[in-house]
C-alpha atoms as a PDB file:
ATOM      1  CA  MET A   1       3.071   3.485   6.304  1.00  0.00           C
ATOM      2  CA  ILE A   2       3.469   3.310   2.528  1.00  0.00           C
ATOM      3  CA  ARG A   3       1.723   0.206   1.213  1.00  0.00           C
ATOM      4  CA  LEU A   4       2.280  -1.908  -1.858  1.00  0.00           C
ATOM      5  CA  PRO A   5      -0.337  -1.555  -4.601  1.00  0.00           C
ATOM      6  CA  ALA A   6      -2.377  -4.588  -5.651  1.00  0.00           C
ATOM      7  CA  PHE A   7      -0.679  -7.017  -8.042  1.00  0.00           C
ATOM      8  CA  THR A   8      -0.759 -10.634  -9.170  1.00  0.00           C
ATOM      9  CA  TYR A   9       2.255 -12.759  -8.183  1.00  0.00           C
ATOM     10  CA  LEU A  10       3.297 -15.683 -10.382  1.00  0.00           C
ATOM     11  CA  ALA A  11       5.810 -18.286  -9.130  1.00  0.00           C
ATOM     12  CA  PRO A  12       7.094 -20.311 -12.090  1.00  0.00           C
ATOM     13  CA  ARG A  13       9.410 -23.223 -11.324  1.00  0.00           C
ATOM     14  CA  THR A  14      11.223 -23.318 -14.658  1.00  0.00           C
ATOM     15  CA  LEU A  15      12.956 -20.709 -16.772  1.00  0.00           C
ATOM     16  CA  ASP A  16      10.730 -21.550 -19.746  1.00  0.00           C
ATOM     17  CA  ASP A  17       7.615 -20.897 -17.672  1.00  0.00           C
ATOM     18  CA  ALA A  18       9.009 -17.575 -16.454  1.00  0.00           C
ATOM     19  CA  ALA A  19       9.849 -16.496 -20.004  1.00  0.00           C
ATOM     20  CA  ALA A  20       6.359 -17.517 -21.158  1.00  0.00           C
ATOM     21  CA  ALA A  21       4.769 -15.498 -18.348  1.00  0.00           C
ATOM     22  CA  MET A  22       6.775 -12.411 -19.276  1.00  0.00           C
ATOM     23  CA  ALA A  23       5.830 -12.792 -22.932  1.00  0.00           C
ATOM     24  CA  SER A  24       2.166 -13.302 -22.059  1.00  0.00           C
ATOM     25  CA  HIS A  25       1.796 -10.255 -19.813  1.00  0.00           C
ATOM     26  CA  GLY A  26       4.096  -7.894 -21.715  1.00  0.00           C
ATOM     27  CA  ALA A  27       4.598  -4.403 -20.358  1.00  0.00           C
ATOM     28  CA  GLU A  28       2.318  -5.080 -17.388  1.00  0.00           C
ATOM     29  CA  ALA A  29       4.802  -7.586 -15.899  1.00  0.00           C
ATOM     30  CA  MET A  30       8.093  -7.211 -14.072  1.00  0.00           C
ATOM     31  CA  LEU A  31      10.579  -9.779 -12.822  1.00  0.00           C
ATOM     32  CA  VAL A  32      11.330 -10.080  -9.109  1.00  0.00           C
ATOM     33  CA  ALA A  33      13.927 -12.153  -7.269  1.00  0.00           C
ATOM     34  CA  GLY A  34      14.932 -10.684  -3.897  1.00  0.00           C
ATOM     35  CA  GLY A  35      12.738  -7.614  -4.386  1.00  0.00           C
ATOM     36  CA  THR A  36      14.944  -5.423  -2.180  1.00  0.00           C
ATOM     37  CA  ASP A  37      14.799  -2.534  -4.661  1.00  0.00           C
ATOM     38  CA  LEU A  38      11.634  -3.331  -6.599  1.00  0.00           C
ATOM     39  CA  TYR A  39       9.193  -3.471  -3.673  1.00  0.00           C
ATOM     40  CA  PRO A  40      10.226  -0.090  -2.203  1.00  0.00           C
ATOM     41  CA  ASN A  41       9.958   1.415  -5.692  1.00  0.00           C
ATOM     42  CA  MET A  42       6.475  -0.043  -6.041  1.00  0.00           C
ATOM     43  CA  LYS A  43       5.487   1.479  -2.699  1.00  0.00           C
ATOM     44  CA  ARG A  44       6.629   4.870  -3.979  1.00  0.00           C
ATOM     45  CA  ARG A  45       4.746   4.243  -7.274  1.00  0.00           C
ATOM     46  CA  GLN A  46       7.965   4.456  -9.286  1.00  0.00           C
ATOM     47  CA  PHE A  47       7.168   0.992 -10.661  1.00  0.00           C
ATOM     48  CA  GLU A  48       3.541   0.100 -11.327  1.00  0.00           C
ATOM     49  CA  PRO A  49       3.368  -3.489 -12.619  1.00  0.00           C
ATOM     50  CA  THR A  50       0.115  -5.401 -12.287  1.00  0.00           C
ATOM     51  CA  VAL A  51       1.936  -8.754 -12.507  1.00  0.00           C
ATOM     52  CA  LEU A  52       5.165  -9.872 -10.830  1.00  0.00           C
ATOM     53  CA  VAL A  53       6.959 -12.942 -12.156  1.00  0.00           C
ATOM     54  CA  GLY A  54       8.920 -14.388  -9.234  1.00  0.00           C
ATOM     55  CA  LEU A  55      12.229 -16.141  -9.887  1.00  0.00           C
ATOM     56  CA  ARG A  56      13.004 -17.500  -6.411  1.00  0.00           C
ATOM     57  CA  ALA A  57      11.667 -21.005  -7.123  1.00  0.00           C
ATOM     58  CA  ILE A  58      13.802 -21.540 -10.248  1.00  0.00           C
ATOM     59  CA  ARG A  59      16.772 -23.589  -9.049  1.00  0.00           C
ATOM     60  CA  ASP A  60      18.636 -23.267 -12.358  1.00  0.00           C
ATOM     61  CA  LEU A  61      19.139 -19.586 -11.577  1.00  0.00           C
ATOM     62  CA  GLN A  62      21.009 -20.249  -8.341  1.00  0.00           C
ATOM     63  CA  GLY A  63      24.518 -21.367  -7.472  1.00  0.00           C
ATOM     64  CA  VAL A  64      28.158 -21.005  -8.504  1.00  0.00           C
ATOM     65  CA  ARG A  65      29.678 -23.457 -10.978  1.00  0.00           C
ATOM     66  CA  GLY A  66      33.162 -23.957 -12.414  1.00  0.00           C
ATOM     67  CA  GLY A  67      36.497 -22.678 -11.189  1.00  0.00           C
ATOM     68  CA  ALA A  68      39.128 -20.004 -11.725  1.00  0.00           C
ATOM     69  CA  ARG A  69      41.092 -22.132 -14.209  1.00  0.00           C
ATOM     70  CA  ASP A  70      38.329 -22.275 -16.844  1.00  0.00           C
ATOM     71  CA  GLY A  71      35.964 -19.591 -15.611  1.00  0.00           C
ATOM     72  CA  ILE A  72      33.015 -19.398 -13.241  1.00  0.00           C
ATOM     73  CA  THR A  73      29.296 -19.251 -13.955  1.00  0.00           C
ATOM     74  CA  ILE A  74      27.134 -17.585 -11.316  1.00  0.00           C
ATOM     75  CA  GLY A  75      23.375 -18.001 -11.478  1.00  0.00           C
ATOM     76  CA  ALA A  76      21.645 -14.634 -11.520  1.00  0.00           C
ATOM     77  CA  GLY A  77      19.452 -15.737  -8.611  1.00  0.00           C
ATOM     78  CA  THR A  78      22.443 -16.386  -6.339  1.00  0.00           C
ATOM     79  CA  THR A  79      22.262 -14.137  -3.304  1.00  0.00           C
ATOM     80  CA  LEU A  80      24.812 -11.404  -2.798  1.00  0.00           C
ATOM     81  CA  SER A  81      25.745 -12.974   0.538  1.00  0.00           C
ATOM     82  CA  ALA A  82      26.585 -16.241  -1.219  1.00  0.00           C
ATOM     83  CA  VAL A  83      28.696 -14.451  -3.838  1.00  0.00           C
ATOM     84  CA  ALA A  84      30.569 -12.477  -1.168  1.00  0.00           C
ATOM     85  CA  ALA A  85      31.323 -15.626   0.852  1.00  0.00           C
ATOM     86  CA  HIS A  86      32.282 -17.983  -1.993  1.00  0.00           C
ATOM     87  CA  ARG A  87      35.878 -19.115  -1.531  1.00  0.00           C
ATOM     88  CA  GLU A  88      36.772 -19.335  -5.223  1.00  0.00           C
ATOM     89  CA  ILE A  89      35.417 -15.841  -5.865  1.00  0.00           C
ATOM     90  CA  ILE A  90      37.219 -14.426  -2.824  1.00  0.00           C
ATOM     91  CA  ALA A  91      40.507 -16.010  -3.895  1.00  0.00           C
ATOM     92  CA  HIS A  92      40.469 -15.261  -7.630  1.00  0.00           C
ATOM     93  CA  TYR A  93      37.898 -12.492  -8.217  1.00  0.00           C
ATOM     94  CA  PRO A  94      38.220 -10.536  -4.957  1.00  0.00           C
ATOM     95  CA  ALA A  95      36.748  -7.302  -6.316  1.00  0.00           C
ATOM     96  CA  LEU A  96      33.465  -9.090  -7.000  1.00  0.00           C
ATOM     97  CA  ALA A  97      33.369 -10.606  -3.519  1.00  0.00           C
ATOM     98  CA  THR A  98      34.062  -7.150  -2.071  1.00  0.00           C
ATOM     99  CA  ALA A  99      31.411  -5.420  -4.187  1.00  0.00           C
ATOM    100  CA  ALA A 100      28.755  -8.011  -3.376  1.00  0.00           C
ATOM    101  CA  GLY A 101      29.630  -7.720   0.317  1.00  0.00           C
ATOM    102  CA  LEU A 102      29.258  -3.927   0.277  1.00  0.00           C
ATOM    103  CA  VAL A 103      25.735  -3.838  -1.159  1.00  0.00           C
ATOM    104  CA  SER A 104      23.250  -2.461   1.365  1.00  0.00           C
ATOM    105  CA  SER A 105      23.045  -4.366   4.683  1.00  0.00           C
ATOM    106  CA  PRO A 106      23.531  -8.041   5.692  1.00  0.00           C
ATOM    107  CA  GLN A 107      19.789  -8.665   5.841  1.00  0.00           C
ATOM    108  CA  LEU A 108      19.220  -7.310   2.343  1.00  0.00           C
ATOM    109  CA  ARG A 109      22.261  -9.146   0.933  1.00  0.00           C
ATOM    110  CA  ASN A 110      20.652 -12.356   2.188  1.00  0.00           C
ATOM    111  CA  MET A 111      17.649 -11.568  -0.014  1.00  0.00           C
ATOM    112  CA  GLY A 112      19.130  -9.547  -2.876  1.00  0.00           C
ATOM    113  CA  THR A 113      20.626 -11.372  -5.851  1.00  0.00           C
ATOM    114  CA  LEU A 114      23.562 -10.809  -8.169  1.00  0.00           C
ATOM    115  CA  GLY A 115      21.239 -10.494 -11.148  1.00  0.00           C
ATOM    116  CA  GLY A 116      19.128  -7.979  -9.306  1.00  0.00           C
ATOM    117  CA  ASN A 117      22.152  -5.820  -8.516  1.00  0.00           C
ATOM    118  CA  VAL A 118      23.406  -6.040 -12.098  1.00  0.00           C
ATOM    119  CA  CYS A 119      20.016  -4.782 -13.314  1.00  0.00           C
ATOM    120  CA  VAL A 120      19.200  -2.437 -10.405  1.00  0.00           C
ATOM    121  CA  ASP A 121      17.382   0.786 -11.265  1.00  0.00           C
ATOM    122  CA  THR A 122      19.259   4.049 -11.738  1.00  0.00           C
ATOM    123  CA  ARG A 123      18.928   6.618  -8.924  1.00  0.00           C
ATOM    124  CA  CYS A 124      18.491  10.359  -8.510  1.00  0.00           C
ATOM    125  CA  ASN A 125      17.673  12.761  -5.670  1.00  0.00           C
ATOM    126  CA  TYR A 126      14.573  13.906  -7.555  1.00  0.00           C
ATOM    127  CA  TYR A 127      13.350  10.402  -8.397  1.00  0.00           C
ATOM    128  CA  ASN A 128      13.949   8.304  -5.274  1.00  0.00           C
ATOM    129  CA  GLN A 129      11.323  10.067  -3.195  1.00  0.00           C
ATOM    130  CA  SER A 130       7.735   9.363  -2.156  1.00  0.00           C
ATOM    131  CA  TYR A 131       4.928   9.903  -4.627  1.00  0.00           C
ATOM    132  CA  GLU A 132       3.713  12.949  -2.700  1.00  0.00           C
ATOM    133  CA  TRP A 133       7.192  14.542  -2.702  1.00  0.00           C
ATOM    134  CA  ARG A 134       7.592  13.967  -6.444  1.00  0.00           C
ATOM    135  CA  LYS A 135       4.106  15.318  -7.121  1.00  0.00           C
ATOM    136  CA  ALA A 136       4.901  18.478  -5.151  1.00  0.00           C
ATOM    137  CA  VAL A 137       7.848  19.302  -7.434  1.00  0.00           C
ATOM    138  CA  GLY A 138       6.004  18.389 -10.633  1.00  0.00           C
ATOM    139  CA  PHE A 139       7.575  14.943 -11.040  1.00  0.00           C
ATOM    140  CA  CYS A 140      10.615  14.321 -13.256  1.00  0.00           C
ATOM    141  CA  MET A 141      11.322  12.856 -16.670  1.00  0.00           C
ATOM    142  CA  LYS A 142      12.118   9.405 -15.275  1.00  0.00           C
ATOM    143  CA  LYS A 143       8.570   8.967 -13.913  1.00  0.00           C
ATOM    144  CA  ASP A 144       5.401  10.975 -14.615  1.00  0.00           C
ATOM    145  CA  GLY A 145       7.141  14.268 -15.522  1.00  0.00           C
ATOM    146  CA  ALA A 146       8.403  15.969 -18.678  1.00  0.00           C
ATOM    147  CA  ILE A 147      11.813  17.390 -17.736  1.00  0.00           C
ATOM    148  CA  CYS A 148      14.991  16.271 -15.984  1.00  0.00           C
ATOM    149  CA  LEU A 149      15.147  18.317 -12.790  1.00  0.00           C
ATOM    150  CA  VAL A 150      18.922  17.852 -12.624  1.00  0.00           C
ATOM    151  CA  ALA A 151      19.418  19.374 -16.073  1.00  0.00           C
ATOM    152  CA  PRO A 152      16.122  20.994 -17.132  1.00  0.00           C
ATOM    153  CA  GLY A 153      17.393  21.882 -20.599  1.00  0.00           C
ATOM    154  CA  SER A 154      18.493  18.330 -21.362  1.00  0.00           C
ATOM    155  CA  PRO A 155      16.447  16.004 -23.591  1.00  0.00           C
ATOM    156  CA  ARG A 156      17.452  12.970 -21.510  1.00  0.00           C
ATOM    157  CA  CYS A 157      17.353  11.647 -17.944  1.00  0.00           C
ATOM    158  CA  TRP A 158      20.596  11.796 -15.939  1.00  0.00           C
ATOM    159  CA  ALA A 159      19.804   9.326 -13.142  1.00  0.00           C
ATOM    160  CA  VAL A 160      22.963   7.431 -12.190  1.00  0.00           C
ATOM    161  CA  SER A 161      23.902   3.765 -12.262  1.00  0.00           C
ATOM    162  CA  SER A 162      23.581   2.466  -8.700  1.00  0.00           C
ATOM    163  CA  SER A 163      25.063  -1.038  -9.036  1.00  0.00           C
ATOM    164  CA  ASP A 164      28.153  -2.056  -7.062  1.00  0.00           C
ATOM    165  CA  THR A 165      28.777  -5.232  -9.055  1.00  0.00           C
ATOM    166  CA  ALA A 166      28.356  -3.781 -12.567  1.00  0.00           C
ATOM    167  CA  PRO A 167      31.679  -1.853 -12.743  1.00  0.00           C
ATOM    168  CA  VAL A 168      33.506  -4.833 -11.238  1.00  0.00           C
ATOM    169  CA  LEU A 169      32.057  -7.307 -13.732  1.00  0.00           C
ATOM    170  CA  TRP A 170      32.891  -4.895 -16.558  1.00  0.00           C
ATOM    171  CA  SER A 171      36.505  -4.660 -15.352  1.00  0.00           C
ATOM    172  CA  LEU A 172      36.760  -8.460 -15.120  1.00  0.00           C
ATOM    173  CA  GLY A 173      35.583  -8.983 -18.696  1.00  0.00           C
ATOM    174  CA  ALA A 174      32.439 -10.830 -17.615  1.00  0.00           C
ATOM    175  CA  ARG A 175      29.531 -11.772 -19.858  1.00  0.00           C
ATOM    176  CA  VAL A 176      25.845 -12.248 -19.122  1.00  0.00           C
ATOM    177  CA  ARG A 177      23.393 -14.795 -20.479  1.00  0.00           C
ATOM    178  CA  LEU A 178      19.883 -13.608 -21.383  1.00  0.00           C
ATOM    179  CA  SER A 179      16.914 -15.857 -22.094  1.00  0.00           C
ATOM    180  CA  SER A 180      13.409 -15.328 -23.465  1.00  0.00           C
ATOM    181  CA  THR A 181      10.804 -17.132 -25.559  1.00  0.00           C
ATOM    182  CA  ALA A 182      12.815 -15.977 -28.601  1.00  0.00           C
ATOM    183  CA  GLY A 183      15.883 -17.915 -27.457  1.00  0.00           C
ATOM    184  CA  GLU A 184      19.113 -17.309 -25.611  1.00  0.00           C
ATOM    185  CA  ARG A 185      22.039 -14.961 -26.154  1.00  0.00           C
ATOM    186  CA  THR A 186      25.272 -14.142 -24.357  1.00  0.00           C
ATOM    187  CA  ILE A 187      26.730 -10.625 -24.419  1.00  0.00           C
ATOM    188  CA  PRO A 188      29.594  -8.772 -22.723  1.00  0.00           C
ATOM    189  CA  VAL A 189      28.523  -6.989 -19.552  1.00  0.00           C
ATOM    190  CA  GLU A 190      29.358  -3.626 -21.105  1.00  0.00           C
ATOM    191  CA  ALA A 191      26.817  -4.280 -23.886  1.00  0.00           C
ATOM    192  CA  LEU A 192      24.059  -4.608 -21.267  1.00  0.00           C
ATOM    193  CA  TYR A 193      24.172  -0.921 -20.306  1.00  0.00           C
ATOM    194  CA  ARG A 194      23.043   2.262 -22.037  1.00  0.00           C
ATOM    195  CA  ASP A 195      23.980   5.815 -21.103  1.00  0.00           C
ATOM    196  CA  ASP A 196      20.395   6.824 -20.350  1.00  0.00           C
ATOM    197  CA  GLY A 197      18.821   7.161 -16.926  1.00  0.00           C
ATOM    198  CA  ILE A 198      15.487   5.689 -18.060  1.00  0.00           C
ATOM    199  CA  GLU A 199      16.412   3.100 -20.708  1.00  0.00           C
ATOM    200  CA  TYR A 200      19.590   2.107 -18.889  1.00  0.00           C
ATOM    201  CA  LEU A 201      19.525  -1.576 -19.903  1.00  0.00           C
ATOM    202  CA  ALA A 202      19.916  -2.953 -23.439  1.00  0.00           C
ATOM    203  CA  LYS A 203      17.990  -6.045 -22.347  1.00  0.00           C
ATOM    204  CA  GLN A 204      15.001  -6.744 -24.592  1.00  0.00           C
ATOM    205  CA  PRO A 205      11.458  -6.744 -23.151  1.00  0.00           C
ATOM    206  CA  GLY A 206      10.763 -10.194 -21.710  1.00  0.00           C
ATOM    207  CA  GLU A 207      14.419 -11.212 -21.474  1.00  0.00           C
ATOM    208  CA  ILE A 208      15.594 -12.748 -18.208  1.00  0.00           C
ATOM    209  CA  LEU A 209      19.192 -12.440 -17.040  1.00  0.00           C
ATOM    210  CA  THR A 210      20.028 -16.041 -16.145  1.00  0.00           C
ATOM    211  CA  ASP A 211      23.795 -16.223 -15.576  1.00  0.00           C
ATOM    212  CA  VAL A 212      26.911 -14.124 -15.084  1.00  0.00           C
ATOM    213  CA  LEU A 213      29.983 -15.693 -16.703  1.00  0.00           C
ATOM    214  CA  LEU A 214      33.434 -14.839 -15.392  1.00  0.00           C
ATOM    215  CA  PRO A 215      36.429 -15.676 -17.611  1.00  0.00           C
ATOM    216  CA  ALA A 216      39.420 -17.669 -16.365  1.00  0.00           C
ATOM    217  CA  ALA A 217      41.243 -15.740 -13.645  1.00  0.00           C
ATOM    218  CA  ASP A 218      44.471 -16.077 -15.674  1.00  0.00           C
ATOM    219  CA  GLY A 219      46.644 -14.015 -13.337  1.00  0.00           C
ATOM    220  CA  TRP A 220      44.289 -11.054 -12.977  1.00  0.00           C
ATOM    221  CA  ARG A 221      44.187  -9.144  -9.694  1.00  0.00           C
ATOM    222  CA  SER A 222      41.241  -6.925  -8.826  1.00  0.00           C
ATOM    223  CA  ALA A 223      40.001  -4.418  -6.277  1.00  0.00           C
ATOM    224  CA  TYR A 224      36.820  -2.452  -5.633  1.00  0.00           C
ATOM    225  CA  LEU A 225      36.339   0.641  -3.482  1.00  0.00           C
ATOM    226  CA  LYS A 226      33.022   2.300  -2.659  1.00  0.00           C
ATOM    227  CA  LEU A 227      32.188   5.799  -1.483  1.00  0.00           C
ATOM    228  CA  ARG A 228      28.991   6.359   0.536  1.00  0.00           C
ATOM    229  CA  ARG A 229      28.015   8.475   3.514  1.00  0.00           C
ATOM    230  CA  ARG A 230      27.298   5.561   5.863  1.00  0.00           C
ATOM    231  CA  GLY A 231      29.380   2.414   6.228  1.00  0.00           C
ATOM    232  CA  SER A 232      26.358   0.245   5.497  1.00  0.00           C
ATOM    233  CA  PHE A 233      23.067   0.281   3.609  1.00  0.00           C
ATOM    234  CA  ASP A 234      23.759   3.228   1.284  1.00  0.00           C
ATOM    235  CA  PHE A 235      23.983   2.968  -2.484  1.00  0.00           C
ATOM    236  CA  PRO A 236      27.334   3.989  -3.988  1.00  0.00           C
ATOM    237  CA  VAL A 237      27.909   7.616  -4.863  1.00  0.00           C
ATOM    238  CA  LEU A 238      31.199   6.421  -6.355  1.00  0.00           C
ATOM    239  CA  GLY A 239      32.499   2.941  -7.105  1.00  0.00           C
ATOM    240  CA  VAL A 240      35.969   2.212  -8.475  1.00  0.00           C
ATOM    241  CA  ALA A 241      36.821  -1.174  -9.992  1.00  0.00           C
ATOM    242  CA  VAL A 242      40.391  -1.926 -11.047  1.00  0.00           C
ATOM    243  CA  ALA A 243      41.679  -5.154 -12.602  1.00  0.00           C
ATOM    244  CA  LEU A 244      45.346  -5.759 -13.446  1.00  0.00           C
ATOM    245  CA  ARG A 245      47.259  -8.657 -14.959  1.00  0.00           C
ATOM    246  CA  MET A 246      50.790  -8.469 -13.632  1.00  0.00           C
ATOM    247  CA  ASP A 247      54.170  -9.790 -14.725  1.00  0.00           C
ATOM    248  CA  GLY A 248      56.062  -9.277 -11.503  1.00  0.00           C
ATOM    249  CA  ARG A 249      55.738  -5.536 -10.828  1.00  0.00           C
ATOM    250  CA  VAL A 250      55.090  -4.734 -14.505  1.00  0.00           C
ATOM    251  CA  VAL A 251      51.488  -4.357 -15.692  1.00  0.00           C
ATOM    252  CA  GLY A 252      50.651  -6.635 -18.617  1.00  0.00           C
ATOM    253  CA  ASP A 253      47.020  -5.548 -19.005  1.00  0.00           C
ATOM    254  CA  ALA A 254      44.629  -3.271 -17.119  1.00  0.00           C
ATOM    255  CA  ARG A 255      41.008  -2.209 -16.862  1.00  0.00           C
ATOM    256  CA  ILE A 256      39.563   0.629 -14.788  1.00  0.00           C
ATOM    257  CA  VAL A 257      35.795   1.169 -14.561  1.00  0.00           C
ATOM    258  CA  ILE A 258      34.049   3.888 -12.544  1.00  0.00           C
ATOM    259  CA  GLY A 259      30.540   3.418 -11.164  1.00  0.00           C
ATOM    260  CA  ALA A 260      27.823   5.804  -9.912  1.00  0.00           C
ATOM    261  CA  VAL A 261      29.094   8.826 -11.865  1.00  0.00           C
ATOM    262  CA  ALA A 262      26.861   8.430 -14.928  1.00  0.00           C
ATOM    263  CA  SER A 263      23.821   6.496 -16.106  1.00  0.00           C
ATOM    264  CA  GLN A 264      26.088   3.541 -16.896  1.00  0.00           C
ATOM    265  CA  PRO A 265      29.495   2.438 -15.562  1.00  0.00           C
ATOM    266  CA  ARG A 266      32.291   4.505 -17.109  1.00  0.00           C
ATOM    267  CA  PRO A 267      35.496   2.815 -18.320  1.00  0.00           C
ATOM    268  CA  ALA A 268      38.726   4.804 -18.193  1.00  0.00           C
ATOM    269  CA  PRO A 269      40.638   3.393 -21.191  1.00  0.00           C
ATOM    270  CA  ALA A 270      43.327   6.088 -21.318  1.00  0.00           C
ATOM    271  CA  ALA A 271      44.188   5.509 -17.675  1.00  0.00           C
ATOM    272  CA  ALA A 272      44.282   1.738 -18.170  1.00  0.00           C
ATOM    273  CA  ALA A 273      46.475   2.066 -21.273  1.00  0.00           C
ATOM    274  CA  ALA A 274      48.948   4.223 -19.337  1.00  0.00           C
ATOM    275  CA  LEU A 275      49.546   1.301 -16.966  1.00  0.00           C
ATOM    276  CA  VAL A 276      50.391  -1.328 -19.578  1.00  0.00           C
ATOM    277  CA  GLY A 277      54.081  -2.155 -19.833  1.00  0.00           C
ATOM    278  CA  GLU A 278      54.945   0.019 -16.848  1.00  0.00           C
ATOM    279  CA  ARG A 279      56.252  -0.783 -13.392  1.00  0.00           C
ATOM    280  CA  LEU A 280      53.529  -0.032 -10.860  1.00  0.00           C
ATOM    281  CA  GLY A 281      54.921   2.600  -8.513  1.00  0.00           C
ATOM    282  CA  ARG A 282      53.734   5.735  -6.758  1.00  0.00           C
ATOM    283  CA  GLU A 283      54.533   8.185  -9.556  1.00  0.00           C
ATOM    284  CA  LEU A 284      52.683   6.085 -12.131  1.00  0.00           C
ATOM    285  CA  ILE A 285      49.727   5.632  -9.766  1.00  0.00           C
ATOM    286  CA  THR A 286      49.387   9.410  -9.343  1.00  0.00           C
ATOM    287  CA  ARG A 287      49.472   9.976 -13.120  1.00  0.00           C
ATOM    288  CA  VAL A 288      46.972   7.205 -13.842  1.00  0.00           C
ATOM    289  CA  ALA A 289      44.601   8.387 -11.112  1.00  0.00           C
ATOM    290  CA  ASP A 290      44.512  11.830 -12.757  1.00  0.00           C
ATOM    291  CA  LEU A 291      43.683  10.243 -16.110  1.00  0.00           C
ATOM    292  CA  ALA A 292      40.972   8.054 -14.594  1.00  0.00           C
ATOM    293  CA  ALA A 293      39.104  11.066 -13.240  1.00  0.00           C
ATOM    294  CA  GLY A 294      38.502  12.309 -16.799  1.00  0.00           C
ATOM    295  CA  PRO A 295      35.557  10.037 -17.738  1.00  0.00           C
ATOM    296  CA  ALA A 296      33.859  10.665 -14.376  1.00  0.00           C
ATOM    297  CA  LYS A 297      31.371  13.484 -14.880  1.00  0.00           C
ATOM    298  CA  PRO A 298      29.073  13.391 -11.831  1.00  0.00           C
ATOM    299  CA  LEU A 299      26.118  15.758 -11.573  1.00  0.00           C
ATOM    300  CA  ASP A 300      24.253  17.140  -8.581  1.00  0.00           C
ATOM    301  CA  ASN A 301      21.843  14.200  -8.386  1.00  0.00           C
ATOM    302  CA  THR A 302      23.086  11.975  -5.535  1.00  0.00           C
ATOM    303  CA  ASP A 303      24.637  12.377  -2.095  1.00  0.00           C
ATOM    304  CA  PHE A 304      27.685  14.653  -1.631  1.00  0.00           C
ATOM    305  CA  THR A 305      28.572  17.484  -4.003  1.00  0.00           C
ATOM    306  CA  HIS A 306      29.560  16.588  -7.533  1.00  0.00           C
ATOM    307  CA  PRO A 307      32.975  18.364  -7.327  1.00  0.00           C
ATOM    308  CA  TYR A 308      33.791  16.252  -4.260  1.00  0.00           C
ATOM    309  CA  ARG A 309      32.723  13.033  -6.024  1.00  0.00           C
ATOM    310  CA  LYS A 310      34.892  13.988  -9.024  1.00  0.00           C
ATOM    311  CA  LYS A 311      37.874  14.575  -6.736  1.00  0.00           C
ATOM    312  CA  MET A 312      37.302  11.295  -4.924  1.00  0.00           C
ATOM    313  CA  THR A 313      37.464   9.388  -8.207  1.00  0.00           C
ATOM    314  CA  ARG A 314      41.139  10.292  -8.381  1.00  0.00           C
ATOM    315  CA  VAL A 315      41.626   9.394  -4.725  1.00  0.00           C
ATOM    316  CA  PHE A 316      39.919   5.991  -4.928  1.00  0.00           C
ATOM    317  CA  VAL A 317      41.683   4.945  -8.135  1.00  0.00           C
ATOM    318  CA  ALA A 318      44.992   5.739  -6.443  1.00  0.00           C
ATOM    319  CA  ARG A 319      44.027   3.703  -3.388  1.00  0.00           C
ATOM    320  CA  ALA A 320      42.910   0.713  -5.461  1.00  0.00           C
ATOM    321  CA  LEU A 321      46.084   0.711  -7.557  1.00  0.00           C
ATOM    322  CA  ALA A 322      48.273   1.073  -4.478  1.00  0.00           C
ATOM    323  CA  SER A 323      46.585  -1.889  -2.819  1.00  0.00           C
ATOM    324  CA  LEU A 324      47.103  -4.060  -5.923  1.00  0.00           C
ATOM    325  CA  ALA A 325      50.747  -2.976  -6.078  1.00  0.00           C
ATOM    326  CA  GLY A 326      51.222  -3.971  -2.452  1.00  0.00           C
ATOM    327  CA  LEU A 327      52.130  -0.399  -1.540  1.00  0.00           C
ATOM    328  CA  GLU A 328      49.198   0.307   0.754  1.00  0.00           C
ATOM    329  CA  PRO A 329      46.194  -1.581   2.054  1.00  0.00           C
ATOM    330  CA  ALA A 330      42.961  -0.400   0.402  1.00  0.00           C
ATOM    331  CA  GLY A 331      41.330   2.361   2.413  1.00  0.00           C
ATOM    332  CA  ARG A 332      44.456   4.192   3.636  1.00  0.00           C
ATOM    333  CA  PRO A 333      44.215   8.000   3.464  1.00  0.00           C
ATOM    334  CA  ALA A 334      44.613   9.141  -0.128  1.00  0.00           C
ATOM    335  CA  GLU A 335      47.257  11.720   0.756  1.00  0.00           C
ATOM    336  CA  GLU A 336      49.552   8.926   1.897  1.00  0.00           C
ATOM    337  CA  VAL A 337      48.963   6.934  -1.316  1.00  0.00           C
ATOM    338  CA  ALA A 338      49.381   9.786  -3.736  1.00  0.00           C
END
């Protein structure tokens, strides 16, 4: 059995107290809500905080407020199960409900939070192993080592974004609210992420993600598809988020964002632009799916081979677009869609 190391657990009841605790303990402290990713990483000595600042007792971080007409605010401490089951989210932001419902397993979704999934650590075959395994191979750049074992000649870490909800929120034009002792700021979701496997968040030290803000639904349709080896529990090795605003069968606006193929979600702006002003049919879907595969540059650092994951980007974009066009239900064989 791999055991947790010793640490001090703090349970503030207000956001101000949590921010003060983070400021007081600095680099020695980490935030924890559900802990479904953090605690296993601590057991493997990937994270080594001496202080954990728990967020579960802060009621202001939980719940869904507002509606599709003016936009929805979701507390970062809201469980993934609650997000997946919320009627307004299901009806008007279905890709987010789907993504939240595909994270891990039911038991972990009951504990894991939206904020935790938005900020979840990047993953790699050489990093997500026991301490003894990592020691045997000389560790890696992301923790305790000097080189990236995926690309030894590279000056950076190539661990991949492992969030299901991040590409969806990016495609929906969501924003996040961050709070610390220095004050509060609200930024677009895309500004939260960096293309670096180690420093993958642009969040400042001590900042707490407090809310996710969805804009008014305003006629947008959305879909999310996830590739993984098992039908439950596994992290994505590919996630495809598509959001369209339609005028009948003609696309008025579009966003396509690919997850789990880089250290941050990857937008596909050329593919999205090719949709705008066009009637959504099979020929267009095939052309756009080819364009969307361009920004996806997976490496050999997660499950499945990287050529297969690259190919499946095209397949999943086609499936998502076909489902939004009413041509096929999501999940039909790609050959039939394309």
